Amino acid sequence: MEHNQHPQPGSDRDQQIWLMAKRRVGFKNHLAVYLVVNALLWGIWLFTSKDNKMWPLYTTLGWGVGLAMHFASVYIFPKEDSVEREYEKLMRNKK
């Protein structure tokens, strides 16, 4: 099996679990990059800055907002739940 291919799902539920796992891994990779890059930026500021302007704060906060939204979309409001709710709503209205 290749790295980017998912296993052959036995059901739609298997497919949903695969997609959920893929999104969670994507978030964890995003978090790791965020932590490494921001640590480097803060280190550069700490060792080279002669003034009190904390310029890495802008990157940390701005990117942090995006990271928080990514977290929410993966763990708090996953698409699968939204799709299921909408499907159930449409089925109720159809009757």
PDB file of N, CA and C in Angstrom:
ATOM      1  N   MET A   1       0.848  -1.181   0.000  1.00  0.00           N
ATOM      2  CA  MET A   1       0.000   0.000   0.000  1.00  0.00           C
ATOM      3  C   MET A   1       0.892   1.241   0.000  1.00  0.00           C
ATOM      4  N   GLU A   2       0.590   2.201  -0.855  1.00  0.00           N
ATOM      5  CA  GLU A   2       1.357   3.433  -0.933  1.00  0.00           C
ATOM      6  C   GLU A   2       1.021   4.331   0.248  1.00  0.00           C
ATOM      7  N   HIS A   3       1.894   5.295   0.502  1.00  0.00           N
ATOM      8  CA  HIS A   3       1.750   6.185   1.648  1.00  0.00           C
ATOM      9  C   HIS A   3       0.462   7.015   1.601  1.00  0.00           C
ATOM     10  N   ASN A   4       0.100   7.549   0.461  1.00  0.00           N
ATOM     11  CA  ASN A   4      -1.047   8.450   0.354  1.00  0.00           C
ATOM     12  C   ASN A   4      -2.366   7.740   0.107  1.00  0.00           C
ATOM     13  N   GLN A   5      -2.344   6.438  -0.083  1.00  0.00           N
ATOM     14  CA  GLN A   5      -3.581   5.723  -0.349  1.00  0.00           C
ATOM     15  C   GLN A   5      -4.173   5.224   0.957  1.00  0.00           C
ATOM     16  N   HIS A   6      -5.475   5.251   1.023  1.00  0.00           N
ATOM     17  CA  HIS A   6      -6.126   4.717   2.214  1.00  0.00           C
ATOM     18  C   HIS A   6      -6.556   3.284   1.940  1.00  0.00           C
ATOM     19  N   PRO A   7      -6.724   2.518   3.002  1.00  0.00           N
ATOM     20  CA  PRO A   7      -7.139   1.133   2.808  1.00  0.00           C
ATOM     21  C   PRO A   7      -8.526   1.064   2.193  1.00  0.00           C
ATOM     22  N   GLN A   8      -8.803  -0.022   1.540  1.00  0.00           N
ATOM     23  CA  GLN A   8     -10.116  -0.199   0.934  1.00  0.00           C
ATOM     24  C   GLN A   8     -11.163  -0.267   2.040  1.00  0.00           C
ATOM     25  N   PRO A   9     -12.058   0.687   2.064  1.00  0.00           N
ATOM     26  CA  PRO A   9     -13.049   0.702   3.136  1.00  0.00           C
ATOM     27  C   PRO A   9     -14.094  -0.392   2.944  1.00  0.00           C
ATOM     28  N   GLY A  10     -14.555  -0.930   4.075  1.00  0.00           N
ATOM     29  CA  GLY A  10     -15.602  -1.942   4.032  1.00  0.00           C
ATOM     30  C   GLY A  10     -16.973  -1.317   4.065  1.00  0.00           C
ATOM     31  N   SER A  11     -17.048  -0.070   4.491  1.00  0.00           N
ATOM     32  CA  SER A  11     -18.332   0.613   4.573  1.00  0.00           C
ATOM     33  C   SER A  11     -18.104   2.120   4.535  1.00  0.00           C
ATOM     34  N   ASP A  12     -19.208   2.850   4.474  1.00  0.00           N
ATOM     35  CA  ASP A  12     -19.120   4.315   4.517  1.00  0.00           C
ATOM     36  C   ASP A  12     -18.536   4.773   5.840  1.00  0.00           C
ATOM     37  N   ARG A  13     -18.838   4.036   6.918  1.00  0.00           N
ATOM     38  CA  ARG A  13     -18.326   4.390   8.237  1.00  0.00           C
ATOM     39  C   ARG A  13     -16.800   4.287   8.268  1.00  0.00           C
ATOM     40  N   ASP A  14     -16.248   3.237   7.620  1.00  0.00           N
ATOM     41  CA  ASP A  14     -14.789   3.105   7.540  1.00  0.00           C
ATOM     42  C   ASP A  14     -14.194   4.307   6.815  1.00  0.00           C
ATOM     43  N   GLN A  15     -14.854   4.749   5.772  1.00  0.00           N
ATOM     44  CA  GLN A  15     -14.393   5.912   5.009  1.00  0.00           C
ATOM     45  C   GLN A  15     -14.411   7.160   5.889  1.00  0.00           C
ATOM     46  N   GLN A  16     -15.461   7.344   6.684  1.00  0.00           N
ATOM     47  CA  GLN A  16     -15.548   8.501   7.579  1.00  0.00           C
ATOM     48  C   GLN A  16     -14.446   8.472   8.622  1.00  0.00           C
ATOM     49  N   ILE A  17     -14.169   7.297   9.175  1.00  0.00           N
ATOM     50  CA  ILE A  17     -13.112   7.180  10.173  1.00  0.00           C
ATOM     51  C   ILE A  17     -11.759   7.489   9.544  1.00  0.00           C
ATOM     52  N   TRP A  18     -11.534   7.001   8.318  1.00  0.00           N
ATOM     53  CA  TRP A  18     -10.292   7.292   7.613  1.00  0.00           C
ATOM     54  C   TRP A  18     -10.118   8.795   7.404  1.00  0.00           C
ATOM     55  N   LEU A  19     -11.164   9.464   6.961  1.00  0.00           N
ATOM     56  CA  LEU A  19     -11.081  10.911   6.734  1.00  0.00           C
ATOM     57  C   LEU A  19     -10.861  11.669   8.041  1.00  0.00           C
ATOM     58  N   MET A  20     -11.504  11.230   9.111  1.00  0.00           N
ATOM     59  CA  MET A  20     -11.324  11.870  10.411  1.00  0.00           C
ATOM     60  C   MET A  20      -9.874  11.711  10.873  1.00  0.00           C
ATOM     61  N   ALA A  21      -9.320  10.518  10.722  1.00  0.00           N
ATOM     62  CA  ALA A  21      -7.929  10.281  11.107  1.00  0.00           C
ATOM     63  C   ALA A  21      -6.988  11.146  10.275  1.00  0.00           C
ATOM     64  N   LYS A  22      -7.275  11.270   8.994  1.00  0.00           N
ATOM     65  CA  LYS A  22      -6.447  12.086   8.097  1.00  0.00           C
ATOM     66  C   LYS A  22      -6.480  13.558   8.517  1.00  0.00           C
ATOM     67  N   ARG A  23      -7.655  14.052   8.884  1.00  0.00           N
ATOM     68  CA  ARG A  23      -7.774  15.449   9.325  1.00  0.00           C
ATOM     69  C   ARG A  23      -7.038  15.678  10.645  1.00  0.00           C
ATOM     70  N   ARG A  24      -7.115  14.701  11.542  1.00  0.00           N
ATOM     71  CA  ARG A  24      -6.423  14.844  12.828  1.00  0.00           C
ATOM     72  C   ARG A  24      -4.908  14.849  12.642  1.00  0.00           C
ATOM     73  N   VAL A  25      -4.404  13.999  11.768  1.00  0.00           N
ATOM     74  CA  VAL A  25      -2.970  13.996  11.482  1.00  0.00           C
ATOM     75  C   VAL A  25      -2.574  15.328  10.851  1.00  0.00           C
ATOM     76  N   GLY A  26      -3.413  15.856   9.969  1.00  0.00           N
ATOM     77  CA  GLY A  26      -3.146  17.158   9.363  1.00  0.00           C
ATOM     78  C   GLY A  26      -3.054  18.253  10.410  1.00  0.00           C
ATOM     79  N   PHE A  27      -3.953  18.221  11.396  1.00  0.00           N
ATOM     80  CA  PHE A  27      -3.893  19.221  12.463  1.00  0.00           C
ATOM     81  C   PHE A  27      -2.621  19.069  13.287  1.00  0.00           C
ATOM     82  N   LYS A  28      -2.264  17.836  13.623  1.00  0.00           N
ATOM     83  CA  LYS A  28      -1.062  17.615  14.434  1.00  0.00           C
ATOM     84  C   LYS A  28       0.188  18.074  13.700  1.00  0.00           C
ATOM     85  N   ASN A  29       0.241  17.879  12.386  1.00  0.00           N
ATOM     86  CA  ASN A  29       1.367  18.388  11.599  1.00  0.00           C
ATOM     87  C   ASN A  29       1.384  19.913  11.606  1.00  0.00           C
ATOM     88  N   HIS A  30       0.228  20.527  11.466  1.00  0.00           N
ATOM     89  CA  HIS A  30       0.102  21.982  11.502  1.00  0.00           C
ATOM     90  C   HIS A  30       0.601  22.510  12.851  1.00  0.00           C
ATOM     91  N   LEU A  31       0.195  21.857  13.941  1.00  0.00           N
ATOM     92  CA  LEU A  31       0.620  22.266  15.278  1.00  0.00           C
ATOM     93  C   LEU A  31       2.136  22.154  15.430  1.00  0.00           C
ATOM     94  N   ALA A  32       2.724  21.068  14.941  1.00  0.00           N
ATOM     95  CA  ALA A  32       4.174  20.885  15.051  1.00  0.00           C
ATOM     96  C   ALA A  32       4.928  21.983  14.300  1.00  0.00           C
ATOM     97  N   VAL A  33       4.474  22.302  13.099  1.00  0.00           N
ATOM     98  CA  VAL A  33       5.120  23.358  12.313  1.00  0.00           C
ATOM     99  C   VAL A  33       4.972  24.700  13.022  1.00  0.00           C
ATOM    100  N   TYR A  34       3.791  24.973  13.546  1.00  0.00           N
ATOM    101  CA  TYR A  34       3.536  26.209  14.291  1.00  0.00           C
ATOM    102  C   TYR A  34       4.510  26.348  15.457  1.00  0.00           C
ATOM    103  N   LEU A  35       4.666  25.286  16.228  1.00  0.00           N
ATOM    104  CA  LEU A  35       5.541  25.336  17.402  1.00  0.00           C
ATOM    105  C   LEU A  35       7.004  25.536  17.013  1.00  0.00           C
ATOM    106  N   VAL A  36       7.469  24.826  16.001  1.00  0.00           N
ATOM    107  CA  VAL A  36       8.871  24.941  15.581  1.00  0.00           C
ATOM    108  C   VAL A  36       9.153  26.332  15.012  1.00  0.00           C
ATOM    109  N   VAL A  37       8.313  26.787  14.111  1.00  0.00           N
ATOM    110  CA  VAL A  37       8.545  28.094  13.482  1.00  0.00           C
ATOM    111  C   VAL A  37       8.472  29.213  14.517  1.00  0.00           C
ATOM    112  N   ASN A  38       7.478  29.161  15.396  1.00  0.00           N
ATOM    113  CA  ASN A  38       7.369  30.221  16.396  1.00  0.00           C
ATOM    114  C   ASN A  38       8.512  30.170  17.404  1.00  0.00           C
ATOM    115  N   ALA A  39       8.984  28.985  17.761  1.00  0.00           N
ATOM    116  CA  ALA A  39      10.146  28.891  18.651  1.00  0.00           C
ATOM    117  C   ALA A  39      11.367  29.530  17.984  1.00  0.00           C
ATOM    118  N   LEU A  40      11.542  29.267  16.687  1.00  0.00           N
ATOM    119  CA  LEU A  40      12.658  29.892  15.960  1.00  0.00           C
ATOM    120  C   LEU A  40      12.519  31.414  15.915  1.00  0.00           C
ATOM    121  N   LEU A  41      11.323  31.894  15.634  1.00  0.00           N
ATOM    122  CA  LEU A  41      11.111  33.344  15.571  1.00  0.00           C
ATOM    123  C   LEU A  41      11.371  34.008  16.919  1.00  0.00           C
ATOM    124  N   TRP A  42      10.871  33.390  17.992  1.00  0.00           N
ATOM    125  CA  TRP A  42      11.106  33.951  19.321  1.00  0.00           C
ATOM    126  C   TRP A  42      12.585  33.873  19.689  1.00  0.00           C
ATOM    127  N   GLY A  43      13.263  32.805  19.274  1.00  0.00           N
ATOM    128  CA  GLY A  43      14.698  32.701  19.524  1.00  0.00           C
ATOM    129  C   GLY A  43      15.476  33.777  18.787  1.00  0.00           C
ATOM    130  N   ILE A  44      15.131  34.016  17.542  1.00  0.00           N
ATOM    131  CA  ILE A  44      15.775  35.088  16.772  1.00  0.00           C
ATOM    132  C   ILE A  44      15.555  36.428  17.454  1.00  0.00           C
ATOM    133  N   TRP A  45      14.328  36.679  17.869  1.00  0.00           N
ATOM    134  CA  TRP A  45      14.027  37.945  18.553  1.00  0.00           C
ATOM    135  C   TRP A  45      14.827  38.075  19.848  1.00  0.00           C
ATOM    136  N   LEU A  46      14.876  36.985  20.617  1.00  0.00           N
ATOM    137  CA  LEU A  46      15.553  37.022  21.914  1.00  0.00           C
ATOM    138  C   LEU A  46      17.040  37.321  21.766  1.00  0.00           C
ATOM    139  N   PHE A  47      17.674  36.723  20.757  1.00  0.00           N
ATOM    140  CA  PHE A  47      19.120  36.868  20.629  1.00  0.00           C
ATOM    141  C   PHE A  47      19.566  38.026  19.750  1.00  0.00           C
ATOM    142  N   THR A  48      18.661  38.636  18.996  1.00  0.00           N
ATOM    143  CA  THR A  48      19.092  39.703  18.095  1.00  0.00           C
ATOM    144  C   THR A  48      18.424  41.047  18.358  1.00  0.00           C
ATOM    145  N   SER A  49      17.343  41.074  19.098  1.00  0.00           N
ATOM    146  CA  SER A  49      16.596  42.322  19.271  1.00  0.00           C
ATOM    147  C   SER A  49      17.283  43.231  20.281  1.00  0.00           C
ATOM    148  N   LYS A  50      17.406  44.481  19.895  1.00  0.00           N
ATOM    149  CA  LYS A  50      17.988  45.487  20.772  1.00  0.00           C
ATOM    150  C   LYS A  50      16.906  46.358  21.426  1.00  0.00           C
ATOM    151  N   ASP A  51      15.688  46.238  20.949  1.00  0.00           N
ATOM    152  CA  ASP A  51      14.604  47.035  21.512  1.00  0.00           C
ATOM    153  C   ASP A  51      13.567  46.110  22.162  1.00  0.00           C
ATOM    154  N   ASN A  52      12.523  46.699  22.670  1.00  0.00           N
ATOM    155  CA  ASN A  52      11.491  45.921  23.356  1.00  0.00           C
ATOM    156  C   ASN A  52      10.318  45.547  22.459  1.00  0.00           C
ATOM    157  N   LYS A  53      10.410  45.819  21.174  1.00  0.00           N
ATOM    158  CA  LYS A  53       9.314  45.473  20.262  1.00  0.00           C
ATOM    159  C   LYS A  53       9.271  43.959  20.078  1.00  0.00           C
ATOM    160  N   MET A  54       8.180  43.365  20.508  1.00  0.00           N
ATOM    161  CA  MET A  54       8.044  41.907  20.435  1.00  0.00           C
ATOM    162  C   MET A  54       7.365  41.525  19.131  1.00  0.00           C
ATOM    163  N   TRP A  55       8.089  41.672  18.017  1.00  0.00           N
ATOM    164  CA  TRP A  55       7.507  41.415  16.697  1.00  0.00           C
ATOM    165  C   TRP A  55       7.052  39.974  16.488  1.00  0.00           C
ATOM    166  N   PRO A  56       7.633  38.949  17.119  1.00  0.00           N
ATOM    167  CA  PRO A  56       7.111  37.591  16.893  1.00  0.00           C
ATOM    168  C   PRO A  56       5.696  37.391  17.440  1.00  0.00           C
ATOM    169  N   LEU A  57       5.281  38.293  18.305  1.00  0.00           N
ATOM    170  CA  LEU A  57       3.940  38.195  18.866  1.00  0.00           C
ATOM    171  C   LEU A  57       2.875  38.260  17.773  1.00  0.00           C
ATOM    172  N   TYR A  58       3.103  39.073  16.739  1.00  0.00           N
ATOM    173  CA  TYR A  58       2.137  39.186  15.645  1.00  0.00           C
ATOM    174  C   TYR A  58       1.965  37.856  14.912  1.00  0.00           C
ATOM    175  N   THR A  59       3.073  37.196  14.644  1.00  0.00           N
ATOM    176  CA  THR A  59       3.014  35.897  13.976  1.00  0.00           C
ATOM    177  C   THR A  59       2.370  34.856  14.869  1.00  0.00           C
ATOM    178  N   THR A  60       2.760  34.841  16.129  1.00  0.00           N
ATOM    179  CA  THR A  60       2.229  33.853  17.069  1.00  0.00           C
ATOM    180  C   THR A  60       0.718  33.999  17.214  1.00  0.00           C
ATOM    181  N   LEU A  61       0.246  35.221  17.391  1.00  0.00           N
ATOM    182  CA  LEU A  61      -1.189  35.439  17.562  1.00  0.00           C
ATOM    183  C   LEU A  61      -1.968  35.233  16.265  1.00  0.00           C
ATOM    184  N   GLY A  62      -1.464  35.784  15.165  1.00  0.00           N
ATOM    185  CA  GLY A  62      -2.172  35.655  13.892  1.00  0.00           C
ATOM    186  C   GLY A  62      -2.285  34.211  13.440  1.00  0.00           C
ATOM    187  N   TRP A  63      -1.178  33.513  13.468  1.00  0.00           N
ATOM    188  CA  TRP A  63      -1.164  32.113  13.078  1.00  0.00           C
ATOM    189  C   TRP A  63      -1.928  31.280  14.105  1.00  0.00           C
ATOM    190  N   GLY A  64      -1.856  31.694  15.371  1.00  0.00           N
ATOM    191  CA  GLY A  64      -2.576  30.987  16.428  1.00  0.00           C
ATOM    192  C   GLY A  64      -4.080  30.988  16.209  1.00  0.00           C
ATOM    193  N   VAL A  65      -4.605  32.083  15.676  1.00  0.00           N
ATOM    194  CA  VAL A  65      -6.038  32.141  15.363  1.00  0.00           C
ATOM    195  C   VAL A  65      -6.376  31.091  14.299  1.00  0.00           C
ATOM    196  N   GLY A  66      -5.563  31.014  13.267  1.00  0.00           N
ATOM    197  CA  GLY A  66      -5.779  30.012  12.231  1.00  0.00           C
ATOM    198  C   GLY A  66      -5.654  28.602  12.773  1.00  0.00           C
ATOM    199  N   LEU A  67      -4.694  28.390  13.654  1.00  0.00           N
ATOM    200  CA  LEU A  67      -4.505  27.071  14.269  1.00  0.00           C
ATOM    201  C   LEU A  67      -5.710  26.709  15.137  1.00  0.00           C
ATOM    202  N   ALA A  68      -6.235  27.673  15.875  1.00  0.00           N
ATOM    203  CA  ALA A  68      -7.417  27.428  16.704  1.00  0.00           C
ATOM    204  C   ALA A  68      -8.623  27.065  15.838  1.00  0.00           C
ATOM    205  N   MET A  69      -8.766  27.729  14.702  1.00  0.00           N
ATOM    206  CA  MET A  69      -9.869  27.420  13.792  1.00  0.00           C
ATOM    207  C   MET A  69      -9.688  26.022  13.199  1.00  0.00           C
ATOM    208  N   HIS A  70      -8.456  25.661  12.884  1.00  0.00           N
ATOM    209  CA  HIS A  70      -8.172  24.314  12.373  1.00  0.00           C
ATOM    210  C   HIS A  70      -8.534  23.274  13.436  1.00  0.00           C
ATOM    211  N   PHE A  71      -8.142  23.530  14.689  1.00  0.00           N
ATOM    212  CA  PHE A  71      -8.479  22.620  15.793  1.00  0.00           C
ATOM    213  C   PHE A  71      -9.989  22.456  15.907  1.00  0.00           C
ATOM    214  N   ALA A  72     -10.705  23.582  15.891  1.00  0.00           N
ATOM    215  CA  ALA A  72     -12.163  23.530  16.023  1.00  0.00           C
ATOM    216  C   ALA A  72     -12.796  22.744  14.882  1.00  0.00           C
ATOM    217  N   SER A  73     -12.293  22.914  13.673  1.00  0.00           N
ATOM    218  CA  SER A  73     -12.883  22.211  12.536  1.00  0.00           C
ATOM    219  C   SER A  73     -12.613  20.709  12.573  1.00  0.00           C
ATOM    220  N   VAL A  74     -11.553  20.300  13.250  1.00  0.00           N
ATOM    221  CA  VAL A  74     -11.208  18.879  13.315  1.00  0.00           C
ATOM    222  C   VAL A  74     -11.815  18.199  14.533  1.00  0.00           C
ATOM    223  N   TYR A  75     -11.739  18.841  15.698  1.00  0.00           N
ATOM    224  CA  TYR A  75     -12.126  18.184  16.941  1.00  0.00           C
ATOM    225  C   TYR A  75     -13.475  18.617  17.504  1.00  0.00           C
ATOM    226  N   ILE A  76     -13.886  19.850  17.277  1.00  0.00           N
ATOM    227  CA  ILE A  76     -15.121  20.348  17.889  1.00  0.00           C
ATOM    228  C   ILE A  76     -16.294  20.307  16.918  1.00  0.00           C
ATOM    229  N   PHE A  77     -16.075  20.782  15.697  1.00  0.00           N
ATOM    230  CA  PHE A  77     -17.133  20.822  14.685  1.00  0.00           C
ATOM    231  C   PHE A  77     -16.708  20.071  13.433  1.00  0.00           C
ATOM    232  N   PRO A  78     -16.490  18.762  13.530  1.00  0.00           N
ATOM    233  CA  PRO A  78     -16.040  18.035  12.333  1.00  0.00           C
ATOM    234  C   PRO A  78     -17.109  18.031  11.252  1.00  0.00           C
ATOM    235  N   LYS A  79     -16.677  18.017  10.012  1.00  0.00           N
ATOM    236  CA  LYS A  79     -17.596  18.058   8.870  1.00  0.00           C
ATOM    237  C   LYS A  79     -18.564  16.884   8.871  1.00  0.00           C
ATOM    238  N   GLU A  80     -18.085  15.713   9.316  1.00  0.00           N
ATOM    239  CA  GLU A  80     -18.950  14.541   9.282  1.00  0.00           C
ATOM    240  C   GLU A  80     -20.225  14.778  10.077  1.00  0.00           C
ATOM    241  N   ASP A  81     -20.078  15.398  11.264  1.00  0.00           N
ATOM    242  CA  ASP A  81     -21.255  15.674  12.081  1.00  0.00           C
ATOM    243  C   ASP A  81     -22.191  16.647  11.378  1.00  0.00           C
ATOM    244  N   SER A  82     -21.635  17.655  10.742  1.00  0.00           N
ATOM    245  CA  SER A  82     -22.446  18.643  10.044  1.00  0.00           C
ATOM    246  C   SER A  82     -23.209  18.004   8.891  1.00  0.00           C
ATOM    247  N   VAL A  83     -22.529  17.160   8.153  1.00  0.00           N
ATOM    248  CA  VAL A  83     -23.163  16.492   7.016  1.00  0.00           C
ATOM    249  C   VAL A  83     -24.266  15.560   7.507  1.00  0.00           C
ATOM    250  N   GLU A  84     -23.984  14.803   8.565  1.00  0.00           N
ATOM    251  CA  GLU A  84     -24.998  13.896   9.104  1.00  0.00           C
ATOM    252  C   GLU A  84     -26.232  14.661   9.588  1.00  0.00           C
ATOM    253  N   ARG A  85     -25.996  15.761  10.308  1.00  0.00           N
ATOM    254  CA  ARG A  85     -27.130  16.564  10.810  1.00  0.00           C
ATOM    255  C   ARG A  85     -27.962  17.116   9.664  1.00  0.00           C
ATOM    256  N   GLU A  86     -27.302  17.624   8.643  1.00  0.00           N
ATOM    257  CA  GLU A  86     -28.025  18.180   7.496  1.00  0.00           C
ATOM    258  C   GLU A  86     -28.800  17.087   6.764  1.00  0.00           C
ATOM    259  N   TYR A  87     -28.191  15.922   6.612  1.00  0.00           N
ATOM    260  CA  TYR A  87     -28.859  14.798   5.962  1.00  0.00           C
ATOM    261  C   TYR A  87     -30.117  14.402   6.747  1.00  0.00           C
ATOM    262  N   GLU A  88     -29.979  14.276   8.068  1.00  0.00           N
ATOM    263  CA  GLU A  88     -31.128  13.910   8.900  1.00  0.00           C
ATOM    264  C   GLU A  88     -32.228  14.971   8.827  1.00  0.00           C
ATOM    265  N   LYS A  89     -31.832  16.221   8.795  1.00  0.00           N
ATOM    266  CA  LYS A  89     -32.797  17.314   8.680  1.00  0.00           C
ATOM    267  C   LYS A  89     -33.553  17.223   7.355  1.00  0.00           C
ATOM    268  N   LEU A  90     -32.835  16.983   6.280  1.00  0.00           N
ATOM    269  CA  LEU A  90     -33.484  16.855   4.969  1.00  0.00           C
ATOM    270  C   LEU A  90     -34.404  15.641   4.915  1.00  0.00           C
ATOM    271  N   MET A  91     -34.005  14.547   5.527  1.00  0.00           N
ATOM    272  CA  MET A  91     -34.842  13.356   5.542  1.00  0.00           C
ATOM    273  C   MET A  91     -36.119  13.595   6.345  1.00  0.00           C
ATOM    274  N   ARG A  92     -36.011  14.314   7.468  1.00  0.00           N
ATOM    275  CA  ARG A  92     -37.206  14.654   8.267  1.00  0.00           C
ATOM    276  C   ARG A  92     -38.155  15.547   7.482  1.00  0.00           C
ATOM    277  N   ASN A  93     -37.598  16.515   6.773  1.00  0.00           N
ATOM    278  CA  ASN A  93     -38.439  17.435   5.994  1.00  0.00           C
ATOM    279  C   ASN A  93     -39.074  16.754   4.772  1.00  0.00           C
ATOM    280  N   LYS A  94     -38.440  15.707   4.307  1.00  0.00           N
ATOM    281  CA  LYS A  94     -38.948  14.981   3.141  1.00  0.00           C
ATOM    282  C   LYS A  94     -40.239  14.232   3.478  1.00  0.00           C
ATOM    283  N   LYS A  95     -40.359  13.776   4.728  1.00  0.00           N
ATOM    284  CA  LYS A  95     -41.522  12.978   5.143  1.00  0.00           C
ATOM    285  C   LYS A  95     -42.776  13.786   5.266  1.00  0.00           C
TER     286      LYS A  95
END
